[in-house]
Amino acid sequence: MAVLPPKKRRELGDFLRAHRARLSPASLGLPTFGRRRTPGLRREEVAQACGMSPTWYTWLEQGRDIAASPPALSALARALQLTPAERAYLFELADRRDPSLSARAGINCQVGATERSRTA
């Protein structure tokens, strides 16, 4: 797996941080206790929501020299409640192919083949 250049890793970290900040604990069904020093979710909450370790998520956000797999990026997109355009940008930043696009393409091909067989 190729590792991203430093500039792309920083952009990925900034993107993750910005989207983490816009969500509230209530948006993930988490209870809110006390005052928070910064807006949005804590890193640990995002990590828990997408099934990864808080350390690994922190390293991603910090732009460390690690590579995220497509399943990890998919889990992040779900946890951060990204729109389809934001999800596409996340995968672009990480220089990975979105597995949901290939699944959708397969469905479209099957539908097209069924339509062609009906008209033939």
C-alpha atoms as a PDB file:
ATOM      1  CA  MET A   1       0.000   0.000   0.000  1.00  0.00           C
ATOM      2  CA  ALA A   2       1.490   3.342  -1.036  1.00  0.00           C
ATOM      3  CA  VAL A   3       1.742   5.985   1.652  1.00  0.00           C
ATOM      4  CA  LEU A   4       0.398   9.458   0.912  1.00  0.00           C
ATOM      5  CA  PRO A   5       2.639  12.501   0.520  1.00  0.00           C
ATOM      6  CA  PRO A   6       2.731  14.801   3.591  1.00  0.00           C
ATOM      7  CA  LYS A   7       0.473  17.458   2.015  1.00  0.00           C
ATOM      8  CA  LYS A   8      -2.288  14.908   1.253  1.00  0.00           C
ATOM      9  CA  ARG A   9      -2.002  13.431   4.761  1.00  0.00           C
ATOM     10  CA  ARG A  10      -2.476  16.927   6.258  1.00  0.00           C
ATOM     11  CA  GLU A  11      -5.505  17.542   4.014  1.00  0.00           C
ATOM     12  CA  LEU A  12      -7.011  14.204   5.065  1.00  0.00           C
ATOM     13  CA  GLY A  13      -6.450  15.065   8.728  1.00  0.00           C
ATOM     14  CA  ASP A  14      -7.998  18.510   8.308  1.00  0.00           C
ATOM     15  CA  PHE A  15     -11.010  16.981   6.551  1.00  0.00           C
ATOM     16  CA  LEU A  16     -11.549  14.410   9.308  1.00  0.00           C
ATOM     17  CA  ARG A  17     -11.142  17.037  12.040  1.00  0.00           C
ATOM     18  CA  ALA A  18     -13.613  19.431  10.407  1.00  0.00           C
ATOM     19  CA  HIS A  19     -16.265  16.747   9.997  1.00  0.00           C
ATOM     20  CA  ARG A  20     -15.741  15.439  13.522  1.00  0.00           C
ATOM     21  CA  ALA A  21     -16.275  18.974  14.859  1.00  0.00           C
ATOM     22  CA  ARG A  22     -19.625  19.405  13.121  1.00  0.00           C
ATOM     23  CA  LEU A  23     -21.246  16.358  14.779  1.00  0.00           C
ATOM     24  CA  SER A  24     -22.701  16.242  18.267  1.00  0.00           C
ATOM     25  CA  PRO A  25     -22.643  13.207  20.553  1.00  0.00           C
ATOM     26  CA  ALA A  26     -26.435  13.094  20.248  1.00  0.00           C
ATOM     27  CA  SER A  27     -26.092  12.569  16.469  1.00  0.00           C
ATOM     28  CA  LEU A  28     -24.478   9.194  17.238  1.00  0.00           C
ATOM     29  CA  GLY A  29     -26.884   8.424  20.051  1.00  0.00           C
ATOM     30  CA  LEU A  30     -24.255   9.066  22.724  1.00  0.00           C
ATOM     31  CA  PRO A  31     -25.078  10.675  26.055  1.00  0.00           C
ATOM     32  CA  THR A  32     -23.660  14.125  26.755  1.00  0.00           C
ATOM     33  CA  PHE A  33     -21.905  14.599  30.071  1.00  0.00           C
ATOM     34  CA  GLY A  34     -20.626  17.969  31.196  1.00  0.00           C
ATOM     35  CA  ARG A  35     -18.976  20.683  29.212  1.00  0.00           C
ATOM     36  CA  ARG A  36     -16.746  20.029  26.214  1.00  0.00           C
ATOM     37  CA  ARG A  37     -13.646  22.082  25.519  1.00  0.00           C
ATOM     38  CA  THR A  38     -14.103  21.848  21.760  1.00  0.00           C
ATOM     39  CA  PRO A  39     -17.213  21.460  19.599  1.00  0.00           C
ATOM     40  CA  GLY A  40     -18.199  18.141  18.133  1.00  0.00           C
ATOM     41  CA  LEU A  41     -17.228  14.587  18.851  1.00  0.00           C
ATOM     42  CA  ARG A  42     -14.129  13.431  20.669  1.00  0.00           C
ATOM     43  CA  ARG A  43     -11.629  11.359  18.703  1.00  0.00           C
ATOM     44  CA  GLU A  44     -12.410   8.378  20.911  1.00  0.00           C
ATOM     45  CA  GLU A  45     -16.104   8.649  20.050  1.00  0.00           C
ATOM     46  CA  VAL A  46     -15.402   8.634  16.307  1.00  0.00           C
ATOM     47  CA  ALA A  47     -13.006   5.701  16.693  1.00  0.00           C
ATOM     48  CA  GLN A  48     -15.575   3.736  18.679  1.00  0.00           C
ATOM     49  CA  ALA A  49     -18.326   4.507  16.156  1.00  0.00           C
ATOM     50  CA  CYS A  50     -16.278   3.132  13.269  1.00  0.00           C
ATOM     51  CA  GLY A  51     -14.621   0.241  15.080  1.00  0.00           C
ATOM     52  CA  MET A  52     -11.005   1.344  15.062  1.00  0.00           C
ATOM     53  CA  SER A  53      -8.585   2.123  17.839  1.00  0.00           C
ATOM     54  CA  PRO A  54      -8.477   5.706  19.125  1.00  0.00           C
ATOM     55  CA  THR A  55      -4.709   5.731  18.534  1.00  0.00           C
ATOM     56  CA  TRP A  56      -5.043   4.774  14.880  1.00  0.00           C
ATOM     57  CA  TYR A  57      -7.796   7.350  14.280  1.00  0.00           C
ATOM     58  CA  THR A  58      -5.649   9.994  16.018  1.00  0.00           C
ATOM     59  CA  TRP A  59      -2.720   9.138  13.767  1.00  0.00           C
ATOM     60  CA  LEU A  60      -4.932   9.525  10.688  1.00  0.00           C
ATOM     61  CA  GLU A  61      -6.131  12.909  11.884  1.00  0.00           C
ATOM     62  CA  GLN A  62      -2.584  13.986  12.728  1.00  0.00           C
ATOM     63  CA  GLY A  63      -1.392  13.097   9.223  1.00  0.00           C
ATOM     64  CA  ARG A  64       1.000  10.390  10.361  1.00  0.00           C
ATOM     65  CA  ASP A  65       2.700   8.103   7.858  1.00  0.00           C
ATOM     66  CA  ILE A  66      -0.014   5.398   7.772  1.00  0.00           C
ATOM     67  CA  ALA A  67      -2.436   4.229   5.099  1.00  0.00           C
ATOM     68  CA  ALA A  68      -6.176   3.732   5.550  1.00  0.00           C
ATOM     69  CA  SER A  69      -7.860   0.761   3.908  1.00  0.00           C
ATOM     70  CA  PRO A  70     -11.111   1.163   1.936  1.00  0.00           C
ATOM     71  CA  PRO A  71     -13.133  -0.644   4.663  1.00  0.00           C
ATOM     72  CA  ALA A  72     -11.696   1.721   7.304  1.00  0.00           C
ATOM     73  CA  LEU A  73     -12.565   4.740   5.151  1.00  0.00           C
ATOM     74  CA  SER A  74     -16.091   3.387   4.611  1.00  0.00           C
ATOM     75  CA  ALA A  75     -16.528   3.048   8.373  1.00  0.00           C
ATOM     76  CA  LEU A  76     -15.277   6.612   8.875  1.00  0.00           C
ATOM     77  CA  ALA A  77     -17.681   7.922   6.230  1.00  0.00           C
ATOM     78  CA  ARG A  78     -20.597   6.242   8.022  1.00  0.00           C
ATOM     79  CA  ALA A  79     -19.523   7.423  11.480  1.00  0.00           C
ATOM     80  CA  LEU A  80     -19.000  11.005  10.291  1.00  0.00           C
ATOM     81  CA  GLN A  81     -22.311  10.889   8.378  1.00  0.00           C
ATOM     82  CA  LEU A  82     -20.722  12.095   5.149  1.00  0.00           C
ATOM     83  CA  THR A  83     -22.760  12.976   2.082  1.00  0.00           C
ATOM     84  CA  PRO A  84     -21.972  11.027  -1.119  1.00  0.00           C
ATOM     85  CA  ALA A  85     -19.839  13.941  -2.362  1.00  0.00           C
ATOM     86  CA  GLU A  86     -17.953  14.164   0.946  1.00  0.00           C
ATOM     87  CA  ARG A  87     -17.446  10.393   0.927  1.00  0.00           C
ATOM     88  CA  ALA A  88     -16.000  10.589  -2.599  1.00  0.00           C
ATOM     89  CA  TYR A  89     -13.664  13.367  -1.492  1.00  0.00           C
ATOM     90  CA  LEU A  90     -12.550  11.320   1.546  1.00  0.00           C
ATOM     91  CA  PHE A  91     -11.574   8.428  -0.733  1.00  0.00           C
ATOM     92  CA  GLU A  92      -9.883  10.836  -3.141  1.00  0.00           C
ATOM     93  CA  LEU A  93      -7.824  12.362  -0.316  1.00  0.00           C
ATOM     94  CA  ALA A  94      -6.789   8.897   0.867  1.00  0.00           C
ATOM     95  CA  ASP A  95      -5.978   7.846  -2.719  1.00  0.00           C
ATOM     96  CA  ARG A  96      -8.253   4.802  -2.437  1.00  0.00           C
ATOM     97  CA  ARG A  97     -11.118   3.410  -4.507  1.00  0.00           C
ATOM     98  CA  ASP A  98     -14.525   3.490  -2.844  1.00  0.00           C
ATOM     99  CA  PRO A  99     -15.839  -0.107  -2.689  1.00  0.00           C
ATOM    100  CA  SER A 100     -19.452   1.124  -2.759  1.00  0.00           C
ATOM    101  CA  LEU A 101     -18.881   2.570  -6.238  1.00  0.00           C
ATOM    102  CA  SER A 102     -17.823  -0.772  -7.694  1.00  0.00           C
ATOM    103  CA  ALA A 103     -20.791  -2.462  -5.993  1.00  0.00           C
ATOM    104  CA  ARG A 104     -23.162   0.130  -7.494  1.00  0.00           C
ATOM    105  CA  ALA A 105     -21.517  -0.249 -10.902  1.00  0.00           C
ATOM    106  CA  GLY A 106     -22.099  -4.010 -10.740  1.00  0.00           C
ATOM    107  CA  ILE A 107     -25.761  -3.449  -9.947  1.00  0.00           C
ATOM    108  CA  ASN A 108     -26.111  -0.981 -12.835  1.00  0.00           C
ATOM    109  CA  CYS A 109     -24.471  -3.465 -15.225  1.00  0.00           C
ATOM    110  CA  GLN A 110     -26.828  -6.232 -14.114  1.00  0.00           C
ATOM    111  CA  VAL A 111     -29.859  -3.990 -14.556  1.00  0.00           C
ATOM    112  CA  GLY A 112     -28.669  -2.960 -18.008  1.00  0.00           C
ATOM    113  CA  ALA A 113     -28.137  -6.588 -19.041  1.00  0.00           C
ATOM    114  CA  THR A 114     -31.628  -7.501 -17.825  1.00  0.00           C
ATOM    115  CA  GLU A 115     -33.141  -4.618 -19.781  1.00  0.00           C
ATOM    116  CA  ARG A 116     -31.272  -5.634 -22.936  1.00  0.00           C
ATOM    117  CA  SER A 117     -32.424  -9.266 -22.630  1.00  0.00           C
ATOM    118  CA  ARG A 118     -36.054  -8.161 -22.295  1.00  0.00           C
ATOM    119  CA  THR A 119     -35.935  -6.061 -25.460  1.00  0.00           C
ATOM    120  CA  ALA A 120     -34.083  -8.649 -27.535  1.00  0.00           C
END
